[in-house]
Amino acid sequence: MRTQVAIIGAGPSGLLLGQLLHKAGIDAIIIERQSPEYVLSRIRAGVLEQVTMDLLDEAGVGTRMHKEGLVHGGFDLLFKGQRHRIDMHELTGGKKVIVYGQTEVTHDLMDARKSAGLATIYEANNVSVHDFDTKKPRVRFEKDGVNHEIECDFIAGCDGFHGICRASVPEGAVTNYEKIYPFGWLGVLADVPPVSHELIYANTERGFALCSMRSKTRSRYYVQCPLSDKVEQWSDEAFWAELRLRLDPQARDQLITGPSIEKSIAPLRSFVAEPMRFGRMFLAGDAAHIVPPTGAKGLNLAATDVKYLSSALIEFYGEKSAAGIDTYSERCLRRIWKAERFSWWFTSLMHQFPESGSFGQKIQEAELDYLTHSRAASQSLAENYVGLPL
């Protein structure tokens, strides 16, 4: 097989890259080790920045997002038993975010790719990348017991944190930066109306909580928990009881509970790999960086990587210029580290850290008090939350 760009990974970043390249007349094959059903079963966040919304529109898959997504102009910070609204729309000159689940984004991109008759190879085993330090990279894989090889001009590693692309880089050619947080998020998805029409981020002496949603009838809730906890320890009743203890009186009264349709514990980490280009192979999305979910930057950072990479490849084929390719890593990392800083700061502000104790809790409450009563501080939070400019 021969293609211009071989994309490893059929998550939202790989599918979005494939769609943008297709719109520009560039041929790409996507190789994915899981089944389509498995890819769609992964529950992820869904707060989209304006940059991501614009990219989905550019890819021609924004119709359902605009129809079904929930537009948010602000969110609440809850501390010391009271909520304080951060008015993003007013503080950023009219910017907003939209709540639209990552599963739905992936579904829309899958449907568009299928409608266009584009090649996506699912359930590919033993995927490997070769010769990406030459002008003739190759991808090998096994499908239904038969070995295949794809010759290409470029390889896009959109295969996630545990993917093969970054793992194939020679030792010493990449530097990894990582911080592991000493707690996780216990998340519950339930078909119940959200407790509030906007997100609530809660700082309490019992730990962090987040009230989010996927639609007007489906809610996503989280509570901070020890990494040693197991999902089996948490019945639905125990989860709802703990969430109530971390909410303000009004939210407690408005909270509607029901059986969980998904429950999981997610560890939190900050991670960046530098650089993101290795000859003719590029890393994008979770293959290159991970942020804590506080502030919802993961999917949006992946979309930004795809914007830079698609533009660079379109420039290469259309203008015979390697300028975008040569600056891809630098441009991505400049924005990535700003988002990493924001996610680290917001996580540090809202969660209980075992070593901080009661003194740390009081410092957090003092900073939150300042944050919600200073326009300059609130504006900085709002600007980072809606997404920094490209």
Protein backbone atom coordinates (compact mmCIF):
# COMPACT_ATOMS: atom_id res chain seq x y z
CA MET A 1 0.00 0.00 0.00
CA ARG A 2 1.04 3.59 -0.63
CA THR A 3 -0.28 6.84 0.86
CA GLN A 4 0.97 10.34 1.50
CA VAL A 5 0.34 10.37 5.27
CA ALA A 6 -0.01 7.31 7.50
CA ILE A 7 -1.93 8.22 10.66
CA ILE A 8 -1.51 5.89 13.64
CA GLY A 9 -4.57 6.07 15.89
CA ALA A 10 -8.28 6.61 15.17
CA GLY A 11 -9.13 8.73 18.19
CA PRO A 12 -10.35 12.30 17.72
CA SER A 13 -6.89 13.71 16.87
CA GLY A 14 -6.15 11.09 14.20
CA LEU A 15 -9.63 11.30 12.70
CA LEU A 16 -9.60 15.11 12.70
CA LEU A 17 -6.20 15.17 11.01
CA GLY A 18 -7.43 12.72 8.39
CA GLN A 19 -10.52 14.81 7.69
CA LEU A 20 -8.59 18.08 7.35
CA LEU A 21 -6.08 16.44 5.00
CA HIS A 22 -8.90 14.95 2.95
CA LYS A 23 -10.48 18.41 2.59
CA ALA A 24 -7.13 19.62 1.22
CA GLY A 25 -6.82 16.74 -1.25
CA ILE A 26 -4.08 14.90 0.65
CA ASP A 27 -4.34 11.11 0.85
CA ALA A 28 -4.14 9.51 4.31
CA ILE A 29 -4.70 6.04 5.74
CA ILE A 30 -5.57 5.64 9.43
CA ILE A 31 -4.40 2.54 11.30
CA GLU A 32 -6.04 1.69 14.65
CA ARG A 33 -5.38 -1.34 16.88
CA GLN A 34 -8.83 -1.31 18.51
CA SER A 35 -12.31 -1.82 17.06
CA PRO A 36 -14.59 1.15 16.24
CA GLU A 37 -16.88 0.10 19.09
CA TYR A 38 -14.00 0.16 21.57
CA VAL A 39 -12.88 3.61 20.41
CA LEU A 40 -16.40 4.95 20.88
CA SER A 41 -16.75 3.35 24.31
CA ARG A 42 -13.98 5.48 25.82
CA ILE A 43 -15.56 8.09 28.09
CA ARG A 44 -13.71 11.40 27.97
CA ALA A 45 -14.32 15.06 28.67
CA GLY A 46 -16.18 17.31 26.30
CA VAL A 47 -15.58 21.02 26.96
CA LEU A 48 -14.53 22.46 23.61
CA GLU A 49 -12.66 25.73 23.14
CA GLN A 50 -13.40 28.09 20.25
CA VAL A 51 -10.29 26.88 18.41
CA THR A 52 -11.60 23.30 18.52
CA MET A 53 -15.09 24.36 17.44
CA ASP A 54 -13.62 26.24 14.48
CA LEU A 55 -11.53 23.23 13.47
CA LEU A 56 -14.53 20.89 13.54
CA ASP A 57 -16.39 23.37 11.34
CA GLU A 58 -13.40 23.53 8.99
CA ALA A 59 -13.43 19.73 8.83
CA GLY A 60 -17.14 19.82 7.92
CA VAL A 61 -18.34 17.95 11.00
CA GLY A 62 -19.66 20.77 13.21
CA THR A 63 -23.39 20.60 12.40
CA ARG A 64 -24.45 18.25 15.20
CA MET A 65 -22.14 19.97 17.67
CA HIS A 66 -23.86 23.30 17.09
CA LYS A 67 -27.29 21.68 17.25
CA GLU A 68 -26.83 19.53 20.36
CA GLY A 69 -23.88 21.12 22.21
CA LEU A 70 -24.47 23.24 25.30
CA VAL A 71 -22.96 26.73 25.06
CA HIS A 72 -21.44 27.95 28.33
CA GLY A 73 -20.49 31.53 29.07
CA GLY A 74 -19.21 30.86 32.59
CA PHE A 75 -18.69 28.37 35.41
CA ASP A 76 -18.88 28.30 39.21
CA LEU A 77 -16.10 28.03 41.75
CA LEU A 78 -17.37 26.58 45.03
CA PHE A 79 -15.37 27.02 48.23
CA LYS A 80 -16.24 27.53 51.89
CA GLY A 81 -19.78 26.40 51.07
CA GLN A 82 -20.55 29.17 48.56
CA ARG A 83 -20.51 29.40 44.77
CA HIS A 84 -18.91 32.24 42.82
CA ARG A 85 -19.50 32.58 39.07
CA ILE A 86 -16.66 33.28 36.65
CA ASP A 87 -18.28 35.13 33.75
CA MET A 88 -16.05 34.01 30.87
CA HIS A 89 -18.17 35.71 28.24
CA GLU A 90 -17.88 39.13 29.86
CA LEU A 91 -14.26 38.76 30.99
CA THR A 92 -12.94 37.64 27.58
CA GLY A 93 -14.86 39.92 25.27
CA GLY A 94 -17.56 37.46 24.25
CA LYS A 95 -15.68 34.15 24.10
CA LYS A 96 -17.35 30.92 25.21
CA VAL A 97 -16.95 27.16 25.33
CA ILE A 98 -19.34 24.42 24.28
CA VAL A 99 -20.05 21.16 26.11
CA TYR A 100 -20.10 18.34 23.57
CA GLY A 101 -18.75 14.92 24.54
CA GLN A 102 -15.54 13.57 23.03
CA THR A 103 -17.47 10.42 22.12
CA GLU A 104 -19.81 12.53 19.99
CA VAL A 105 -16.88 14.32 18.33
CA THR A 106 -15.34 10.94 17.50
CA HIS A 107 -18.68 9.65 16.18
CA ASP A 108 -19.09 12.67 13.87
CA LEU A 109 -15.56 12.26 12.49
CA MET A 110 -16.04 8.51 11.98
CA ASP A 111 -19.28 9.11 10.10
CA ALA A 112 -17.67 11.74 7.86
CA ARG A 113 -14.74 9.46 7.05
CA LYS A 114 -17.04 6.55 6.26
CA SER A 115 -19.27 8.72 4.05
CA ALA A 116 -16.24 9.85 2.07
CA GLY A 117 -15.10 6.26 1.58
CA LEU A 118 -11.72 6.92 3.20
CA ALA A 119 -9.48 4.10 4.41
CA THR A 120 -9.46 3.33 8.13
CA ILE A 121 -7.96 0.01 9.18
CA TYR A 122 -9.33 -1.10 12.57
CA GLU A 123 -8.12 -4.00 14.71
CA ALA A 124 -4.62 -3.80 13.25
CA ASN A 125 -2.18 -5.92 15.27
CA ASN A 126 1.57 -5.57 15.78
CA VAL A 127 1.71 -2.05 14.35
CA SER A 128 5.27 -0.79 13.89
CA VAL A 129 6.89 2.29 12.33
CA HIS A 130 10.12 2.20 10.32
CA ASP A 131 12.60 4.48 8.56
CA PHE A 132 10.98 7.71 9.76
CA ASP A 133 14.43 9.28 9.76
CA THR A 134 14.53 8.88 5.96
CA LYS A 135 12.39 10.21 3.10
CA LYS A 136 10.64 6.84 2.80
CA PRO A 137 8.92 5.97 6.10
CA ARG A 138 6.95 2.73 6.39
CA VAL A 139 4.27 1.34 8.66
CA ARG A 140 3.81 -2.38 9.15
CA PHE A 141 0.87 -4.19 10.74
CA GLU A 142 -1.01 -7.45 10.81
CA LYS A 143 -4.69 -7.70 9.90
CA ASP A 144 -6.67 -10.95 9.98
CA GLY A 145 -3.45 -12.95 10.10
CA VAL A 146 -1.94 -11.23 7.03
CA ASN A 147 1.08 -8.91 7.20
CA HIS A 148 0.86 -5.53 5.46
CA GLU A 149 3.20 -2.62 4.79
CA ILE A 150 2.32 1.00 3.97
CA GLU A 151 4.83 3.25 2.23
CA CYS A 152 4.27 6.93 2.95
CA ASP A 153 5.80 10.41 2.98
CA PHE A 154 5.00 11.13 6.62
CA ILE A 155 3.81 9.34 9.77
CA ALA A 156 1.47 11.06 12.25
CA GLY A 157 1.60 9.50 15.70
CA CYS A 158 -1.89 10.09 17.11
CA ASP A 159 -1.83 6.83 19.06
CA GLY A 160 -2.05 8.05 22.65
CA PHE A 161 0.17 7.89 25.71
CA HIS A 162 0.82 4.13 25.41
CA GLY A 163 1.16 4.15 21.62
CA ILE A 164 3.93 2.74 19.46
CA CYS A 165 5.13 5.97 17.84
CA ARG A 166 6.80 7.71 20.78
CA ALA A 167 8.02 4.32 22.03
CA SER A 168 9.82 3.81 18.69
CA VAL A 169 11.95 6.94 19.02
CA PRO A 170 15.62 6.09 19.76
CA GLU A 171 16.65 6.44 23.39
CA GLY A 172 18.11 9.87 24.00
CA ALA A 173 16.25 11.53 21.14
CA VAL A 174 13.27 12.49 23.30
CA THR A 175 13.04 14.06 26.75
CA ASN A 176 10.02 13.28 28.93
CA TYR A 177 8.75 15.62 31.64
CA GLU A 178 6.24 14.14 34.07
CA LYS A 179 4.40 14.83 37.32
CA ILE A 180 2.18 12.21 38.96
CA TYR A 181 -0.51 13.52 41.30
CA PRO A 182 -1.22 11.63 44.55
CA PHE A 183 -4.96 11.16 43.89
CA GLY A 184 -7.46 10.25 41.21
CA TRP A 185 -10.91 11.24 39.99
CA LEU A 186 -13.78 8.86 40.65
CA GLY A 187 -16.23 9.61 37.85
CA VAL A 188 -19.86 8.62 37.39
CA LEU A 189 -21.95 9.01 34.25
CA ALA A 190 -25.72 8.92 34.81
CA ASP A 191 -28.87 9.67 32.86
CA VAL A 192 -30.04 12.43 35.19
CA PRO A 193 -30.43 16.20 34.58
CA PRO A 194 -27.34 18.27 35.55
CA VAL A 195 -27.43 19.89 38.98
CA SER A 196 -26.56 23.23 37.33
CA HIS A 197 -26.71 24.63 33.79
CA GLU A 198 -22.95 25.36 34.02
CA LEU A 199 -20.01 23.46 35.51
CA ILE A 200 -19.27 23.62 39.24
CA TYR A 201 -15.66 23.20 40.41
CA ALA A 202 -15.64 22.57 44.17
CA ASN A 203 -12.81 22.95 46.67
CA THR A 204 -13.70 21.40 50.03
CA GLU A 205 -11.95 20.01 53.09
CA ARG A 206 -13.14 16.56 51.94
CA GLY A 207 -11.49 17.02 48.55
CA PHE A 208 -12.30 18.23 45.06
CA ALA A 209 -15.58 17.65 43.20
CA LEU A 210 -16.78 18.56 39.70
CA CYS A 211 -20.35 18.73 38.46
CA SER A 212 -20.39 18.48 34.67
CA MET A 213 -22.72 17.21 31.97
CA ARG A 214 -22.95 15.66 28.52
CA SER A 215 -26.42 16.91 27.67
CA LYS A 216 -29.54 18.28 29.35
CA THR A 217 -30.42 14.74 30.45
CA ARG A 218 -27.00 13.14 31.02
CA SER A 219 -24.62 14.22 33.79
CA ARG A 220 -20.98 13.54 34.58
CA TYR A 221 -19.83 13.93 38.19
CA TYR A 222 -16.41 13.47 39.81
CA VAL A 223 -14.98 13.35 43.31
CA GLN A 224 -11.32 13.30 44.29
CA CYS A 225 -10.29 9.96 45.79
CA PRO A 226 -7.09 8.18 46.89
CA LEU A 227 -5.20 6.31 44.18
CA SER A 228 -5.52 3.19 46.31
CA ASP A 229 -9.32 3.18 45.94
CA LYS A 230 -10.99 0.64 43.66
CA VAL A 231 -14.20 1.23 41.72
CA GLU A 232 -15.71 -1.82 43.40
CA GLN A 233 -15.46 -0.06 46.76
CA TRP A 234 -17.82 2.66 45.58
CA SER A 235 -21.51 1.81 45.28
CA ASP A 236 -23.73 4.36 43.55
CA GLU A 237 -25.23 5.24 46.93
CA ALA A 238 -21.78 5.87 48.45
CA PHE A 239 -20.80 8.09 45.52
CA TRP A 240 -23.93 10.25 45.66
CA ALA A 241 -23.60 10.59 49.43
CA GLU A 242 -20.00 11.77 49.14
CA LEU A 243 -20.81 14.18 46.31
CA ARG A 244 -23.58 15.76 48.39
CA LEU A 245 -21.12 16.42 51.21
CA ARG A 246 -18.93 18.41 48.80
CA LEU A 247 -21.71 20.65 47.41
CA ASP A 248 -23.34 23.83 48.63
CA PRO A 249 -26.87 23.64 50.15
CA GLN A 250 -28.62 24.78 46.97
CA ALA A 251 -26.83 22.20 44.80
CA ARG A 252 -27.58 19.46 47.34
CA ASP A 253 -31.27 20.26 47.13
CA GLN A 254 -31.22 20.30 43.32
CA LEU A 255 -29.11 17.16 42.85
CA ILE A 256 -31.01 14.36 41.13
CA THR A 257 -29.42 10.93 41.46
CA GLY A 258 -29.84 7.70 39.56
CA PRO A 259 -28.05 4.48 38.58
CA SER A 260 -24.62 4.94 37.03
CA ILE A 261 -24.14 3.86 33.43
CA GLU A 262 -20.35 4.17 33.72
CA LYS A 263 -18.04 4.44 36.72
CA SER A 264 -14.26 4.65 36.73
CA ILE A 265 -11.23 6.04 38.54
CA ALA A 266 -8.79 8.10 36.49
CA PRO A 267 -5.27 8.88 37.78
CA LEU A 268 -3.98 12.41 37.20
CA ARG A 269 -0.66 13.24 35.57
CA SER A 270 1.11 16.03 33.74
CA PHE A 271 3.36 14.83 30.91
CA VAL A 272 5.20 16.39 27.98
CA ALA A 273 7.57 14.79 25.46
CA GLU A 274 10.05 17.02 23.63
CA PRO A 275 10.50 17.34 20.70
CA MET A 276 7.36 16.29 18.81
CA ARG A 277 9.04 15.72 15.44
CA PHE A 278 11.49 12.96 14.56
CA GLY A 279 12.47 13.16 10.91
CA ARG A 280 9.25 12.45 9.05
CA MET A 281 7.27 11.28 12.07
CA PHE A 282 5.24 13.68 14.19
CA LEU A 283 3.57 13.20 17.56
CA ALA A 284 0.17 14.77 18.28
CA GLY A 285 -2.28 14.71 21.16
CA ASP A 286 -1.83 12.28 24.05
CA ALA A 287 1.16 10.69 22.30
CA ALA A 288 3.08 13.87 23.16
CA HIS A 289 1.39 15.33 26.23
CA ILE A 290 -1.10 14.66 29.02
CA VAL A 291 -2.75 17.25 31.28
CA PRO A 292 -4.88 16.72 34.37
CA PRO A 293 -8.57 16.96 33.43
CA THR A 294 -9.00 20.06 35.63
CA GLY A 295 -9.80 22.80 33.12
CA ALA A 296 -10.51 20.41 30.21
CA LYS A 297 -7.40 21.03 28.09
CA GLY A 298 -6.61 17.53 26.79
CA LEU A 299 -8.82 17.30 23.71
CA ASN A 300 -8.33 20.99 22.93
CA LEU A 301 -4.54 20.68 22.98
CA ALA A 302 -4.79 17.68 20.66
CA ALA A 303 -6.93 19.72 18.27
CA THR A 304 -4.34 22.51 18.28
CA ASP A 305 -1.58 20.02 17.44
CA VAL A 306 -3.70 18.80 14.54
CA LYS A 307 -4.25 22.38 13.35
CA TYR A 308 -0.50 23.03 13.25
CA LEU A 309 0.30 19.65 11.68
CA SER A 310 -2.41 19.74 9.01
CA SER A 311 -1.41 23.30 8.05
CA ALA A 312 2.25 22.24 7.81
CA LEU A 313 1.46 19.25 5.60
CA ILE A 314 -0.90 21.26 3.39
CA GLU A 315 1.86 23.87 3.00
CA PHE A 316 4.38 21.15 2.15
CA TYR A 317 2.27 19.61 -0.60
CA GLY A 318 0.73 22.84 -1.90
CA GLU A 319 3.66 25.22 -1.74
CA LYS A 320 6.61 22.80 -1.61
CA SER A 321 7.65 24.51 1.63
CA ALA A 322 8.97 22.75 4.73
CA ALA A 323 8.64 25.84 6.95
CA GLY A 324 5.57 24.58 8.83
CA ILE A 325 7.07 21.13 9.27
CA ASP A 326 10.33 22.54 10.59
CA THR A 327 8.58 24.71 13.20
CA TYR A 328 5.82 22.23 14.15
CA SER A 329 7.34 21.05 17.39
CA GLU A 330 8.33 24.52 18.59
CA ARG A 331 4.90 26.02 17.86
CA CYS A 332 3.04 23.18 19.54
CA LEU A 333 5.21 23.11 22.64
CA ARG A 334 4.92 26.84 23.24
CA ARG A 335 1.14 26.48 23.57
CA ILE A 336 1.32 23.10 25.31
CA TRP A 337 3.45 24.37 28.18
CA LYS A 338 1.06 27.27 28.79
CA ALA A 339 -1.83 24.81 29.01
CA GLU A 340 0.26 22.50 31.22
CA ARG A 341 0.92 25.43 33.54
CA PHE A 342 -2.77 26.32 33.72
CA SER A 343 -3.87 22.72 34.34
CA TRP A 344 -1.20 22.24 37.02
CA TRP A 345 -2.16 25.53 38.71
CA PHE A 346 -5.91 24.83 38.62
CA THR A 347 -5.36 21.28 39.90
CA SER A 348 -3.12 22.56 42.71
CA LEU A 349 -5.70 25.16 43.66
CA MET A 350 -8.76 22.90 43.79
CA HIS A 351 -7.54 19.58 45.25
CA GLN A 352 -6.51 18.40 48.68
CA PHE A 353 -2.86 17.34 48.79
CA PRO A 354 -1.93 14.89 51.59
CA GLU A 355 1.18 16.84 52.57
CA SER A 356 -0.51 20.27 52.71
CA GLY A 357 -2.92 19.69 55.60
CA SER A 358 -5.14 22.39 57.07
CA PHE A 359 -2.61 25.15 56.32
CA GLY A 360 -2.73 24.28 52.62
CA GLN A 361 -6.53 24.33 52.69
CA LYS A 362 -6.56 27.84 54.17
CA ILE A 363 -4.06 29.06 51.55
CA GLN A 364 -6.27 27.65 48.77
CA GLU A 365 -9.35 29.36 50.22
CA ALA A 366 -7.48 32.66 50.46
CA GLU A 367 -6.37 32.41 46.83
CA LEU A 368 -9.89 31.50 45.70
CA ASP A 369 -11.25 34.47 47.63
CA TYR A 370 -8.76 36.75 45.89
CA LEU A 371 -9.43 35.11 42.53
CA THR A 372 -13.18 35.66 42.70
CA HIS A 373 -12.93 39.27 43.91
CA SER A 374 -10.17 40.54 41.63
CA ARG A 375 -11.15 41.30 38.06
CA ALA A 376 -7.56 40.91 36.88
CA ALA A 377 -7.25 37.46 38.48
CA SER A 378 -10.69 36.37 37.25
CA GLN A 379 -9.82 37.58 33.75
CA SER A 380 -6.61 35.55 33.72
CA LEU A 381 -8.55 32.43 34.75
CA ALA A 382 -11.24 33.07 32.13
CA GLU A 383 -8.71 33.70 29.32
CA ASN A 384 -6.94 30.43 30.02
CA TYR A 385 -10.18 28.48 30.41
CA VAL A 386 -11.67 29.55 27.06
CA GLY A 387 -8.33 28.85 25.39
CA LEU A 388 -5.34 30.99 24.55
CA PRO A 389 -5.02 32.21 20.94
CA LEU A 390 -3.01 30.22 18.43
